[in-house]
Amino acid sequence: MAEHRYIVLEGPIGVGKTSLCHLLEKEFSGRLILEEVEENPFLTEFYRDRQRMALQTQLFFLLARYRQQQEIIQPSLFGQATISDYLFAKDRIFAYLNLDDNELALYNQIYELLEPTVPKPDLVIYLQASTDVLMQRIHMRGKEYEKEISRDYINDLNEAYNHFFFNYTETPLLVINTTEIDFVSSRKDLIDLVQRIREMKKGTHYYIPMASR
């Protein structure tokens, strides 16, 4: 685990980031940093009226994520592995998807002031799934503020994530299509994934479950 002290899991809403984070926290005896999504007071209204609430929602997330990122670099915590369910840079995916040109210009000014002091992860794990699977998982978890999410929005978000990570080169990247994988119920796949994480070095790699090899 020496190479990967800070591991980030990413992917669109409903893909299973948080569930896998909890599993990896135990496997690596690490500490967990989870995005405080439900703390955003604008989120429910955002899903009802994206155009009107986009800027408030986005700036709240940006500043909340920044505050959490500053906790990661506390010297007293350097010796412990950190597992997180979001990448700070992904904030721009939502900004470009939801903000108009004037709002985006303001957002980018703030983002560019904050981003240089944010720590870079040692490894990013990108979780993919089809839009239909994402909608099923969102429905199954039954969060109140997600009831207004449209399929079109999730599809646009899914495409934006794929485009972002297709061009992503800042850190080692492990891509996993979770459409047919459930790490919660498949202990063998989880153990195999942990081994792949430990072996990850530079570049982009794709995880193939043991049963599919």
N, C-alpha and C. Protein backbone atom coordinates (compact mmCIF):
# COMPACT_ATOMS: atom_id res chain seq x y z
N MET A 1 0.82 -1.21 0.00
CA MET A 1 0.00 0.00 0.00
C MET A 1 0.85 1.25 0.00
N ALA A 2 2.16 1.11 -0.01
CA ALA A 2 3.03 2.27 0.10
C ALA A 2 2.84 3.25 -1.04
N GLU A 3 2.52 2.72 -2.23
CA GLU A 3 2.41 3.60 -3.39
C GLU A 3 1.11 4.40 -3.39
N HIS A 4 0.07 3.89 -2.74
CA HIS A 4 -1.25 4.50 -2.84
C HIS A 4 -1.77 4.87 -1.46
N ARG A 5 -1.35 6.02 -0.97
CA ARG A 5 -1.83 6.49 0.32
C ARG A 5 -3.16 7.20 0.22
N TYR A 6 -3.49 7.71 -0.97
CA TYR A 6 -4.72 8.48 -1.15
C TYR A 6 -5.43 7.95 -2.41
N ILE A 7 -6.51 7.21 -2.20
CA ILE A 7 -7.26 6.57 -3.29
C ILE A 7 -8.63 7.22 -3.40
N VAL A 8 -8.99 7.58 -4.61
CA VAL A 8 -10.28 8.23 -4.87
C VAL A 8 -11.13 7.33 -5.76
N LEU A 9 -12.40 7.18 -5.40
CA LEU A 9 -13.36 6.50 -6.26
C LEU A 9 -14.27 7.55 -6.88
N GLU A 10 -14.51 7.41 -8.17
CA GLU A 10 -15.36 8.37 -8.87
C GLU A 10 -16.34 7.65 -9.80
N GLY A 11 -17.36 8.42 -10.21
CA GLY A 11 -18.37 7.90 -11.11
C GLY A 11 -19.67 8.64 -10.90
N PRO A 12 -20.61 8.49 -11.81
CA PRO A 12 -21.87 9.24 -11.74
C PRO A 12 -22.75 8.81 -10.58
N ILE A 13 -23.78 9.58 -10.33
CA ILE A 13 -24.72 9.32 -9.24
C ILE A 13 -25.29 7.90 -9.36
N GLY A 14 -25.25 7.14 -8.27
CA GLY A 14 -25.84 5.82 -8.24
C GLY A 14 -24.94 4.68 -8.65
N VAL A 15 -23.67 4.96 -8.98
CA VAL A 15 -22.80 3.92 -9.50
C VAL A 15 -22.25 3.00 -8.41
N GLY A 16 -22.30 3.44 -7.15
CA GLY A 16 -21.83 2.58 -6.05
C GLY A 16 -20.52 3.00 -5.43
N LYS A 17 -20.15 4.26 -5.57
CA LYS A 17 -18.87 4.74 -5.02
C LYS A 17 -18.77 4.54 -3.51
N THR A 18 -19.80 4.99 -2.80
CA THR A 18 -19.73 4.98 -1.34
C THR A 18 -19.68 3.57 -0.79
N SER A 19 -20.46 2.66 -1.37
CA SER A 19 -20.45 1.27 -0.90
C SER A 19 -19.07 0.65 -1.05
N LEU A 20 -18.43 0.88 -2.20
CA LEU A 20 -17.10 0.32 -2.41
C LEU A 20 -16.07 1.02 -1.53
N CYS A 21 -16.25 2.30 -1.27
CA CYS A 21 -15.35 3.01 -0.36
C CYS A 21 -15.33 2.37 1.02
N HIS A 22 -16.51 2.03 1.53
CA HIS A 22 -16.57 1.39 2.85
C HIS A 22 -15.84 0.05 2.85
N LEU A 23 -15.96 -0.70 1.78
CA LEU A 23 -15.26 -1.99 1.69
C LEU A 23 -13.75 -1.79 1.64
N LEU A 24 -13.29 -0.83 0.84
CA LEU A 24 -11.85 -0.59 0.72
C LEU A 24 -11.28 0.00 2.00
N GLU A 25 -12.07 0.78 2.71
CA GLU A 25 -11.62 1.31 4.00
C GLU A 25 -11.21 0.17 4.94
N LYS A 26 -12.02 -0.89 4.95
CA LYS A 26 -11.72 -2.03 5.81
C LYS A 26 -10.51 -2.81 5.28
N GLU A 27 -10.45 -2.99 3.96
CA GLU A 27 -9.36 -3.78 3.38
C GLU A 27 -8.00 -3.12 3.60
N PHE A 28 -7.97 -1.79 3.57
CA PHE A 28 -6.70 -1.07 3.70
C PHE A 28 -6.51 -0.44 5.08
N SER A 29 -7.44 -0.75 6.00
CA SER A 29 -7.37 -0.17 7.35
C SER A 29 -7.14 1.34 7.28
N GLY A 30 -7.89 1.98 6.41
CA GLY A 30 -7.69 3.41 6.17
C GLY A 30 -8.75 4.26 6.83
N ARG A 31 -8.70 5.53 6.51
CA ARG A 31 -9.73 6.46 6.96
C ARG A 31 -10.57 6.85 5.75
N LEU A 32 -11.81 7.18 6.01
CA LEU A 32 -12.78 7.42 4.95
C LEU A 32 -13.15 8.90 4.92
N ILE A 33 -13.14 9.47 3.71
CA ILE A 33 -13.63 10.83 3.51
C ILE A 33 -14.75 10.77 2.47
N LEU A 34 -15.97 11.02 2.93
CA LEU A 34 -17.14 10.93 2.07
C LEU A 34 -17.70 12.31 1.79
N GLU A 35 -18.14 12.50 0.56
CA GLU A 35 -18.74 13.77 0.18
C GLU A 35 -20.03 14.00 0.98
N GLU A 36 -20.20 15.22 1.47
CA GLU A 36 -21.35 15.55 2.31
C GLU A 36 -22.50 16.05 1.45
N VAL A 37 -23.03 15.17 0.62
CA VAL A 37 -24.04 15.56 -0.36
C VAL A 37 -25.31 16.08 0.31
N GLU A 38 -25.76 15.38 1.33
CA GLU A 38 -27.04 15.71 1.95
C GLU A 38 -26.98 17.00 2.77
N GLU A 39 -25.78 17.54 2.97
CA GLU A 39 -25.64 18.80 3.69
C GLU A 39 -25.95 20.00 2.80
N ASN A 40 -26.06 19.79 1.50
CA ASN A 40 -26.30 20.90 0.58
C ASN A 40 -27.77 21.31 0.64
N PRO A 41 -28.08 22.52 1.16
CA PRO A 41 -29.48 22.92 1.34
C PRO A 41 -30.21 23.24 0.04
N PHE A 42 -29.46 23.35 -1.07
CA PHE A 42 -30.06 23.71 -2.35
C PHE A 42 -30.40 22.51 -3.23
N LEU A 43 -30.02 21.32 -2.80
CA LEU A 43 -30.02 20.18 -3.71
C LEU A 43 -31.43 19.75 -4.15
N THR A 44 -32.34 19.67 -3.20
CA THR A 44 -33.70 19.24 -3.56
C THR A 44 -34.32 20.18 -4.58
N GLU A 45 -34.18 21.49 -4.34
CA GLU A 45 -34.73 22.46 -5.28
C GLU A 45 -33.98 22.43 -6.63
N PHE A 46 -32.70 22.09 -6.59
CA PHE A 46 -31.93 22.00 -7.82
C PHE A 46 -32.51 20.96 -8.77
N TYR A 47 -32.87 19.79 -8.23
CA TYR A 47 -33.42 18.74 -9.09
C TYR A 47 -34.81 19.10 -9.61
N ARG A 48 -35.49 20.04 -8.95
CA ARG A 48 -36.79 20.51 -9.43
C ARG A 48 -36.64 21.60 -10.48
N ASP A 49 -35.60 22.44 -10.30
CA ASP A 49 -35.42 23.59 -11.21
C ASP A 49 -33.92 23.84 -11.36
N ARG A 50 -33.30 23.08 -12.25
CA ARG A 50 -31.84 23.13 -12.40
C ARG A 50 -31.35 24.51 -12.79
N GLN A 51 -32.02 25.16 -13.71
CA GLN A 51 -31.56 26.44 -14.21
C GLN A 51 -31.52 27.50 -13.11
N ARG A 52 -32.54 27.53 -12.27
CA ARG A 52 -32.63 28.55 -11.23
C ARG A 52 -31.67 28.30 -10.07
N MET A 53 -31.43 27.03 -9.74
CA MET A 53 -30.67 26.71 -8.53
C MET A 53 -29.25 26.23 -8.80
N ALA A 54 -28.83 26.21 -10.04
CA ALA A 54 -27.54 25.60 -10.37
C ALA A 54 -26.35 26.28 -9.70
N LEU A 55 -26.29 27.60 -9.75
CA LEU A 55 -25.11 28.29 -9.23
C LEU A 55 -24.97 28.12 -7.72
N GLN A 56 -26.06 28.31 -6.97
CA GLN A 56 -25.99 28.14 -5.52
C GLN A 56 -25.55 26.72 -5.16
N THR A 57 -26.16 25.75 -5.85
CA THR A 57 -25.84 24.35 -5.57
C THR A 57 -24.38 24.05 -5.86
N GLN A 58 -23.89 24.55 -6.99
CA GLN A 58 -22.53 24.25 -7.40
C GLN A 58 -21.50 24.90 -6.49
N LEU A 59 -21.72 26.16 -6.12
CA LEU A 59 -20.75 26.85 -5.26
C LEU A 59 -20.73 26.24 -3.86
N PHE A 60 -21.88 25.80 -3.36
CA PHE A 60 -21.90 25.13 -2.06
C PHE A 60 -21.04 23.87 -2.10
N PHE A 61 -21.23 23.06 -3.16
CA PHE A 61 -20.43 21.84 -3.30
C PHE A 61 -18.94 22.16 -3.44
N LEU A 62 -18.61 23.15 -4.26
CA LEU A 62 -17.21 23.50 -4.48
C LEU A 62 -16.52 23.85 -3.17
N LEU A 63 -17.13 24.70 -2.37
CA LEU A 63 -16.52 25.15 -1.12
C LEU A 63 -16.50 24.05 -0.07
N ALA A 64 -17.54 23.22 -0.03
CA ALA A 64 -17.57 22.11 0.92
C ALA A 64 -16.50 21.08 0.57
N ARG A 65 -16.35 20.79 -0.72
CA ARG A 65 -15.32 19.85 -1.15
C ARG A 65 -13.93 20.39 -0.85
N TYR A 66 -13.76 21.68 -1.07
CA TYR A 66 -12.45 22.29 -0.79
C TYR A 66 -12.11 22.18 0.70
N ARG A 67 -13.07 22.47 1.56
CA ARG A 67 -12.82 22.37 3.00
C ARG A 67 -12.41 20.94 3.38
N GLN A 68 -13.10 19.95 2.83
CA GLN A 68 -12.74 18.57 3.13
C GLN A 68 -11.34 18.24 2.63
N GLN A 69 -10.99 18.74 1.45
CA GLN A 69 -9.67 18.44 0.88
C GLN A 69 -8.55 18.99 1.75
N GLN A 70 -8.78 20.10 2.43
CA GLN A 70 -7.76 20.64 3.30
C GLN A 70 -7.51 19.74 4.51
N GLU A 71 -8.52 18.97 4.90
CA GLU A 71 -8.35 18.03 6.01
C GLU A 71 -7.42 16.89 5.62
N ILE A 72 -7.39 16.54 4.35
CA ILE A 72 -6.59 15.41 3.89
C ILE A 72 -5.10 15.66 4.10
N ILE A 73 -4.68 16.93 3.99
CA ILE A 73 -3.24 17.23 4.04
C ILE A 73 -2.75 17.55 5.44
N GLN A 74 -3.55 17.26 6.48
CA GLN A 74 -3.09 17.47 7.85
C GLN A 74 -1.90 16.56 8.12
N PRO A 75 -0.78 17.10 8.61
CA PRO A 75 0.44 16.29 8.80
C PRO A 75 0.23 15.07 9.69
N SER A 76 -0.65 15.18 10.67
CA SER A 76 -0.84 14.08 11.61
C SER A 76 -1.49 12.86 10.98
N LEU A 77 -2.01 13.02 9.75
CA LEU A 77 -2.74 11.94 9.10
C LEU A 77 -1.97 11.31 7.94
N PHE A 78 -0.73 11.73 7.73
CA PHE A 78 0.04 11.26 6.58
C PHE A 78 0.29 9.76 6.58
N GLY A 79 0.38 9.16 7.78
CA GLY A 79 0.74 7.75 7.84
C GLY A 79 -0.39 6.79 7.54
N GLN A 80 -1.60 7.31 7.36
CA GLN A 80 -2.77 6.45 7.19
C GLN A 80 -3.32 6.55 5.77
N ALA A 81 -3.72 5.40 5.23
CA ALA A 81 -4.34 5.41 3.91
C ALA A 81 -5.66 6.16 3.96
N THR A 82 -5.96 6.91 2.90
CA THR A 82 -7.20 7.67 2.81
C THR A 82 -8.00 7.19 1.61
N ILE A 83 -9.27 6.89 1.83
CA ILE A 83 -10.19 6.48 0.77
C ILE A 83 -11.29 7.52 0.67
N SER A 84 -11.52 8.06 -0.53
CA SER A 84 -12.53 9.09 -0.70
C SER A 84 -13.47 8.74 -1.86
N ASP A 85 -14.72 9.23 -1.76
CA ASP A 85 -15.70 8.91 -2.81
C ASP A 85 -15.90 10.06 -3.80
N TYR A 86 -14.91 10.96 -3.88
CA TYR A 86 -14.99 11.97 -4.93
C TYR A 86 -13.61 12.55 -5.23
N LEU A 87 -13.46 13.01 -6.46
CA LEU A 87 -12.27 13.70 -6.94
C LEU A 87 -12.60 15.18 -7.05
N PHE A 88 -11.78 16.03 -6.46
CA PHE A 88 -12.09 17.47 -6.47
C PHE A 88 -12.26 17.98 -7.90
N ALA A 89 -11.43 17.54 -8.81
CA ALA A 89 -11.47 18.03 -10.19
C ALA A 89 -12.79 17.72 -10.89
N LYS A 90 -13.53 16.72 -10.40
CA LYS A 90 -14.79 16.36 -11.06
C LYS A 90 -15.85 17.42 -10.85
N ASP A 91 -15.62 18.34 -9.91
CA ASP A 91 -16.59 19.40 -9.68
C ASP A 91 -16.92 20.14 -10.97
N ARG A 92 -15.91 20.25 -11.82
CA ARG A 92 -16.12 20.95 -13.09
C ARG A 92 -17.05 20.20 -14.04
N ILE A 93 -17.15 18.89 -13.91
CA ILE A 93 -18.10 18.14 -14.74
C ILE A 93 -19.50 18.70 -14.53
N PHE A 94 -19.89 18.86 -13.27
CA PHE A 94 -21.22 19.36 -12.94
C PHE A 94 -21.36 20.83 -13.31
N ALA A 95 -20.28 21.59 -13.12
CA ALA A 95 -20.34 23.02 -13.45
C ALA A 95 -20.60 23.24 -14.93
N TYR A 96 -19.86 22.54 -15.78
CA TYR A 96 -20.04 22.72 -17.23
C TYR A 96 -21.38 22.17 -17.70
N LEU A 97 -21.92 21.21 -16.98
CA LEU A 97 -23.20 20.63 -17.36
C LEU A 97 -24.37 21.52 -16.97
N ASN A 98 -24.23 22.26 -15.85
CA ASN A 98 -25.39 22.94 -15.27
C ASN A 98 -25.37 24.46 -15.32
N LEU A 99 -24.22 25.10 -15.46
CA LEU A 99 -24.14 26.55 -15.36
C LEU A 99 -24.21 27.22 -16.74
N ASP A 100 -24.76 28.43 -16.78
CA ASP A 100 -24.71 29.19 -18.02
C ASP A 100 -23.35 29.89 -18.13
N ASP A 101 -23.11 30.58 -19.22
CA ASP A 101 -21.77 31.13 -19.49
C ASP A 101 -21.31 32.10 -18.41
N ASN A 102 -22.20 32.99 -17.97
CA ASN A 102 -21.82 33.98 -16.96
C ASN A 102 -21.56 33.32 -15.61
N GLU A 103 -22.41 32.37 -15.25
CA GLU A 103 -22.22 31.64 -14.00
C GLU A 103 -20.92 30.84 -14.04
N LEU A 104 -20.65 30.24 -15.20
CA LEU A 104 -19.44 29.43 -15.33
C LEU A 104 -18.19 30.28 -15.22
N ALA A 105 -18.23 31.49 -15.74
CA ALA A 105 -17.07 32.39 -15.63
C ALA A 105 -16.78 32.71 -14.17
N LEU A 106 -17.83 32.99 -13.39
CA LEU A 106 -17.65 33.25 -11.96
C LEU A 106 -17.14 32.00 -11.25
N TYR A 107 -17.76 30.87 -11.55
CA TYR A 107 -17.34 29.61 -10.94
C TYR A 107 -15.86 29.33 -11.21
N ASN A 108 -15.43 29.50 -12.46
CA ASN A 108 -14.04 29.19 -12.82
C ASN A 108 -13.04 30.09 -12.10
N GLN A 109 -13.41 31.35 -11.86
CA GLN A 109 -12.53 32.24 -11.11
C GLN A 109 -12.29 31.70 -9.70
N ILE A 110 -13.35 31.22 -9.07
CA ILE A 110 -13.23 30.69 -7.71
C ILE A 110 -12.49 29.36 -7.73
N TYR A 111 -12.84 28.49 -8.68
CA TYR A 111 -12.19 27.18 -8.78
C TYR A 111 -10.68 27.32 -8.95
N GLU A 112 -10.27 28.22 -9.80
CA GLU A 112 -8.84 28.37 -10.09
C GLU A 112 -8.06 28.95 -8.91
N LEU A 113 -8.74 29.64 -8.01
CA LEU A 113 -8.09 30.10 -6.78
C LEU A 113 -7.89 28.95 -5.79
N LEU A 114 -8.81 28.00 -5.78
CA LEU A 114 -8.79 26.92 -4.81
C LEU A 114 -7.97 25.72 -5.25
N GLU A 115 -8.07 25.36 -6.53
CA GLU A 115 -7.52 24.09 -7.02
C GLU A 115 -6.03 23.86 -6.75
N PRO A 116 -5.15 24.89 -6.85
CA PRO A 116 -3.72 24.62 -6.66
C PRO A 116 -3.34 24.07 -5.29
N THR A 117 -4.17 24.29 -4.27
CA THR A 117 -3.82 23.81 -2.93
C THR A 117 -4.49 22.48 -2.58
N VAL A 118 -5.17 21.88 -3.55
CA VAL A 118 -5.87 20.61 -3.30
C VAL A 118 -4.92 19.45 -3.58
N PRO A 119 -4.83 18.48 -2.66
CA PRO A 119 -3.90 17.35 -2.87
C PRO A 119 -4.34 16.46 -4.01
N LYS A 120 -3.39 15.92 -4.75
CA LYS A 120 -3.67 14.99 -5.85
C LYS A 120 -3.67 13.55 -5.30
N PRO A 121 -4.62 12.74 -5.70
CA PRO A 121 -4.62 11.34 -5.26
C PRO A 121 -3.49 10.54 -5.90
N ASP A 122 -3.15 9.43 -5.29
CA ASP A 122 -2.17 8.51 -5.86
C ASP A 122 -2.81 7.58 -6.89
N LEU A 123 -4.12 7.38 -6.75
CA LEU A 123 -4.84 6.50 -7.66
C LEU A 123 -6.30 6.94 -7.71
N VAL A 124 -6.86 6.97 -8.93
CA VAL A 124 -8.29 7.22 -9.11
C VAL A 124 -8.92 5.95 -9.70
N ILE A 125 -10.03 5.53 -9.11
CA ILE A 125 -10.80 4.40 -9.61
C ILE A 125 -12.10 4.94 -10.17
N TYR A 126 -12.31 4.78 -11.47
CA TYR A 126 -13.51 5.29 -12.13
C TYR A 126 -14.50 4.17 -12.32
N LEU A 127 -15.67 4.28 -11.67
CA LEU A 127 -16.72 3.28 -11.77
C LEU A 127 -17.74 3.70 -12.84
N GLN A 128 -17.96 2.81 -13.79
CA GLN A 128 -18.92 3.07 -14.87
C GLN A 128 -20.15 2.17 -14.70
N ALA A 129 -21.25 2.61 -15.30
CA ALA A 129 -22.45 1.76 -15.43
C ALA A 129 -23.32 2.39 -16.50
N SER A 130 -24.21 1.60 -17.09
CA SER A 130 -25.13 2.14 -18.08
C SER A 130 -26.13 3.06 -17.40
N THR A 131 -26.74 3.95 -18.17
CA THR A 131 -27.73 4.87 -17.61
C THR A 131 -28.90 4.11 -17.00
N ASP A 132 -29.35 3.04 -17.65
CA ASP A 132 -30.47 2.26 -17.11
C ASP A 132 -30.12 1.68 -15.74
N VAL A 133 -28.91 1.16 -15.60
CA VAL A 133 -28.49 0.59 -14.32
C VAL A 133 -28.40 1.69 -13.26
N LEU A 134 -27.87 2.85 -13.63
CA LEU A 134 -27.80 3.96 -12.68
C LEU A 134 -29.19 4.36 -12.19
N MET A 135 -30.15 4.45 -13.10
CA MET A 135 -31.51 4.82 -12.71
C MET A 135 -32.12 3.78 -11.78
N GLN A 136 -31.86 2.50 -12.05
CA GLN A 136 -32.36 1.44 -11.17
C GLN A 136 -31.77 1.57 -9.77
N ARG A 137 -30.48 1.83 -9.69
CA ARG A 137 -29.82 1.92 -8.38
C ARG A 137 -30.28 3.17 -7.63
N ILE A 138 -30.47 4.28 -8.34
CA ILE A 138 -30.97 5.49 -7.70
C ILE A 138 -32.36 5.25 -7.13
N HIS A 139 -33.20 4.58 -7.91
CA HIS A 139 -34.55 4.29 -7.44
C HIS A 139 -34.53 3.36 -6.23
N MET A 140 -33.67 2.35 -6.25
CA MET A 140 -33.62 1.36 -5.17
C MET A 140 -33.16 1.98 -3.86
N ARG A 141 -32.25 2.94 -3.89
CA ARG A 141 -31.76 3.50 -2.63
C ARG A 141 -32.73 4.53 -2.05
N GLY A 142 -33.64 5.05 -2.85
CA GLY A 142 -34.79 5.80 -2.35
C GLY A 142 -34.49 7.07 -1.58
N LYS A 143 -33.45 7.79 -1.95
CA LYS A 143 -33.16 9.05 -1.27
C LYS A 143 -34.16 10.11 -1.70
N GLU A 144 -34.69 10.83 -0.72
CA GLU A 144 -35.77 11.78 -0.97
C GLU A 144 -35.37 12.84 -2.00
N TYR A 145 -34.15 13.40 -1.85
CA TYR A 145 -33.76 14.51 -2.73
C TYR A 145 -33.44 14.04 -4.15
N GLU A 146 -33.38 12.72 -4.37
CA GLU A 146 -33.10 12.21 -5.72
C GLU A 146 -34.36 11.83 -6.49
N LYS A 147 -35.52 11.99 -5.89
CA LYS A 147 -36.76 11.57 -6.56
C LYS A 147 -37.07 12.39 -7.80
N GLU A 148 -36.54 13.62 -7.85
CA GLU A 148 -36.83 14.49 -8.99
C GLU A 148 -35.82 14.35 -10.13
N ILE A 149 -34.81 13.48 -9.96
CA ILE A 149 -33.77 13.35 -10.98
C ILE A 149 -34.36 12.71 -12.25
N SER A 150 -34.14 13.32 -13.38
CA SER A 150 -34.65 12.78 -14.64
C SER A 150 -33.64 11.84 -15.28
N ARG A 151 -34.14 10.94 -16.11
CA ARG A 151 -33.24 10.04 -16.84
C ARG A 151 -32.35 10.82 -17.79
N ASP A 152 -32.89 11.87 -18.41
CA ASP A 152 -32.08 12.68 -19.34
C ASP A 152 -30.88 13.29 -18.63
N TYR A 153 -31.10 13.77 -17.40
CA TYR A 153 -30.00 14.37 -16.64
C TYR A 153 -28.93 13.33 -16.33
N ILE A 154 -29.35 12.15 -15.89
CA ILE A 154 -28.39 11.09 -15.57
C ILE A 154 -27.64 10.65 -16.82
N ASN A 155 -28.33 10.59 -17.93
CA ASN A 155 -27.67 10.21 -19.19
C ASN A 155 -26.63 11.25 -19.60
N ASP A 156 -26.99 12.54 -19.50
CA ASP A 156 -26.04 13.60 -19.82
C ASP A 156 -24.84 13.55 -18.87
N LEU A 157 -25.11 13.32 -17.60
CA LEU A 157 -24.04 13.24 -16.61
C LEU A 157 -23.13 12.05 -16.89
N ASN A 158 -23.73 10.93 -17.24
CA ASN A 158 -22.96 9.72 -17.55
C ASN A 158 -22.02 9.97 -18.73
N GLU A 159 -22.53 10.61 -19.77
CA GLU A 159 -21.70 10.92 -20.94
C GLU A 159 -20.59 11.90 -20.58
N ALA A 160 -20.90 12.87 -19.72
CA ALA A 160 -19.89 13.85 -19.30
C ALA A 160 -18.78 13.19 -18.50
N TYR A 161 -19.14 12.25 -17.65
CA TYR A 161 -18.13 11.51 -16.88
C TYR A 161 -17.23 10.70 -17.81
N ASN A 162 -17.84 10.01 -18.76
CA ASN A 162 -17.05 9.19 -19.69
C ASN A 162 -16.08 10.06 -20.48
N HIS A 163 -16.54 11.22 -20.91
CA HIS A 163 -15.66 12.13 -21.65
C HIS A 163 -14.53 12.63 -20.77
N PHE A 164 -14.85 12.99 -19.54
CA PHE A 164 -13.83 13.50 -18.60
C PHE A 164 -12.73 12.46 -18.38
N PHE A 165 -13.12 11.23 -18.10
CA PHE A 165 -12.12 10.23 -17.77
C PHE A 165 -11.46 9.62 -19.00
N PHE A 166 -12.09 9.74 -20.15
CA PHE A 166 -11.41 9.33 -21.39
C PHE A 166 -10.17 10.18 -21.63
N ASN A 167 -10.24 11.44 -21.17
CA ASN A 167 -9.14 12.38 -21.37
C ASN A 167 -8.30 12.58 -20.11
N TYR A 168 -8.56 11.82 -19.06
CA TYR A 168 -7.91 12.04 -17.77
C TYR A 168 -6.52 11.40 -17.73
N THR A 169 -5.50 12.19 -17.36
CA THR A 169 -4.12 11.67 -17.32
C THR A 169 -3.36 12.14 -16.08
N GLU A 170 -4.01 12.81 -15.15
CA GLU A 170 -3.29 13.43 -14.02
C GLU A 170 -2.71 12.42 -13.04
N THR A 171 -3.36 11.28 -12.90
CA THR A 171 -2.90 10.26 -11.95
C THR A 171 -3.12 8.89 -12.58
N PRO A 172 -2.55 7.83 -11.99
CA PRO A 172 -2.94 6.49 -12.42
C PRO A 172 -4.46 6.32 -12.32
N LEU A 173 -5.04 5.60 -13.30
CA LEU A 173 -6.49 5.48 -13.37
C LEU A 173 -6.87 4.02 -13.60
N LEU A 174 -7.76 3.50 -12.76
CA LEU A 174 -8.29 2.16 -12.92
C LEU A 174 -9.78 2.28 -13.25
N VAL A 175 -10.18 1.78 -14.41
CA VAL A 175 -11.56 1.90 -14.89
C VAL A 175 -12.29 0.58 -14.66
N ILE A 176 -13.48 0.66 -14.04
CA ILE A 176 -14.27 -0.54 -13.75
C ILE A 176 -15.69 -0.34 -14.25
N ASN A 177 -16.16 -1.21 -15.12
CA ASN A 177 -17.56 -1.20 -15.50
C ASN A 177 -18.33 -2.05 -14.49
N THR A 178 -19.18 -1.39 -13.69
CA THR A 178 -19.86 -2.08 -12.60
C THR A 178 -21.23 -2.62 -12.98
N THR A 179 -21.60 -2.53 -14.26
CA THR A 179 -22.93 -2.96 -14.68
C THR A 179 -23.22 -4.39 -14.26
N GLU A 180 -22.22 -5.27 -14.36
CA GLU A 180 -22.42 -6.68 -14.02
C GLU A 180 -21.64 -7.12 -12.79
N ILE A 181 -21.09 -6.16 -12.04
CA ILE A 181 -20.26 -6.50 -10.88
C ILE A 181 -20.89 -5.93 -9.62
N ASP A 182 -20.93 -6.73 -8.57
CA ASP A 182 -21.39 -6.26 -7.26
C ASP A 182 -20.34 -6.67 -6.22
N PHE A 183 -19.46 -5.73 -5.88
CA PHE A 183 -18.38 -6.05 -4.95
C PHE A 183 -18.90 -6.36 -3.54
N VAL A 184 -20.09 -5.85 -3.23
CA VAL A 184 -20.67 -6.11 -1.91
C VAL A 184 -21.00 -7.59 -1.76
N SER A 185 -21.51 -8.21 -2.82
CA SER A 185 -21.92 -9.62 -2.73
C SER A 185 -20.86 -10.59 -3.24
N SER A 186 -19.85 -10.10 -3.96
CA SER A 186 -18.82 -10.99 -4.48
C SER A 186 -17.49 -10.72 -3.78
N ARG A 187 -17.23 -11.52 -2.76
CA ARG A 187 -15.99 -11.36 -1.99
C ARG A 187 -14.77 -11.66 -2.86
N LYS A 188 -14.89 -12.62 -3.78
CA LYS A 188 -13.76 -12.96 -4.65
C LYS A 188 -13.36 -11.79 -5.53
N ASP A 189 -14.38 -11.11 -6.11
CA ASP A 189 -14.07 -9.95 -6.95
C ASP A 189 -13.46 -8.83 -6.13
N LEU A 190 -13.92 -8.65 -4.91
CA LEU A 190 -13.36 -7.60 -4.05
C LEU A 190 -11.89 -7.88 -3.73
N ILE A 191 -11.58 -9.11 -3.36
CA ILE A 191 -10.19 -9.47 -3.05
C ILE A 191 -9.32 -9.28 -4.29
N ASP A 192 -9.84 -9.70 -5.45
CA ASP A 192 -9.10 -9.54 -6.70
C ASP A 192 -8.86 -8.06 -7.01
N LEU A 193 -9.88 -7.22 -6.78
CA LEU A 193 -9.74 -5.79 -7.01
C LEU A 193 -8.68 -5.19 -6.09
N VAL A 194 -8.69 -5.57 -4.84
CA VAL A 194 -7.69 -5.05 -3.89
C VAL A 194 -6.28 -5.38 -4.37
N GLN A 195 -6.09 -6.59 -4.88
CA GLN A 195 -4.79 -6.96 -5.41
C GLN A 195 -4.41 -6.11 -6.62
N ARG A 196 -5.36 -5.85 -7.49
CA ARG A 196 -5.10 -4.99 -8.65
C ARG A 196 -4.71 -3.58 -8.21
N ILE A 197 -5.38 -3.07 -7.19
CA ILE A 197 -5.06 -1.74 -6.67
C ILE A 197 -3.63 -1.70 -6.16
N ARG A 198 -3.24 -2.73 -5.43
CA ARG A 198 -1.88 -2.77 -4.89
C ARG A 198 -0.83 -2.83 -6.00
N GLU A 199 -1.20 -3.41 -7.13
CA GLU A 199 -0.26 -3.57 -8.24
C GLU A 199 -0.24 -2.38 -9.20
N MET A 200 -1.21 -1.48 -9.09
CA MET A 200 -1.34 -0.36 -10.03
C MET A 200 -0.11 0.55 -10.01
N LYS A 201 0.32 0.91 -11.21
CA LYS A 201 1.42 1.85 -11.34
C LYS A 201 0.96 3.01 -12.21
N LYS A 202 1.69 3.36 -13.24
CA LYS A 202 1.31 4.49 -14.08
C LYS A 202 0.29 4.10 -15.13
N GLY A 203 -0.37 5.13 -15.69
CA GLY A 203 -1.24 4.91 -16.83
C GLY A 203 -2.66 4.55 -16.47
N THR A 204 -3.42 4.18 -17.50
CA THR A 204 -4.82 3.80 -17.35
C THR A 204 -4.96 2.29 -17.54
N HIS A 205 -5.67 1.65 -16.64
CA HIS A 205 -5.89 0.21 -16.70
C HIS A 205 -7.37 -0.08 -16.54
N TYR A 206 -7.80 -1.26 -17.04
CA TYR A 206 -9.20 -1.65 -16.98
C TYR A 206 -9.32 -2.92 -16.16
N TYR A 207 -10.21 -2.89 -15.18
CA TYR A 207 -10.39 -4.05 -14.32
C TYR A 207 -11.36 -5.05 -14.97
N ILE A 208 -10.93 -6.29 -15.06
CA ILE A 208 -11.77 -7.38 -15.56
C ILE A 208 -11.94 -8.39 -14.43
N PRO A 209 -13.16 -8.66 -13.97
CA PRO A 209 -13.39 -9.59 -12.86
C PRO A 209 -12.79 -10.97 -13.14
N MET A 210 -12.43 -11.66 -12.10
CA MET A 210 -11.82 -12.99 -12.25
C MET A 210 -12.68 -13.93 -13.07
N ALA A 211 -14.00 -13.89 -12.85
CA ALA A 211 -14.89 -14.81 -13.55
C ALA A 211 -14.95 -14.57 -15.05
N SER A 212 -14.54 -13.38 -15.48
CA SER A 212 -14.61 -13.04 -16.92
C SER A 212 -13.31 -13.26 -17.64
N ARG A 213 -12.25 -13.65 -16.91
CA ARG A 213 -10.94 -13.77 -17.55
C ARG A 213 -10.77 -15.13 -18.21
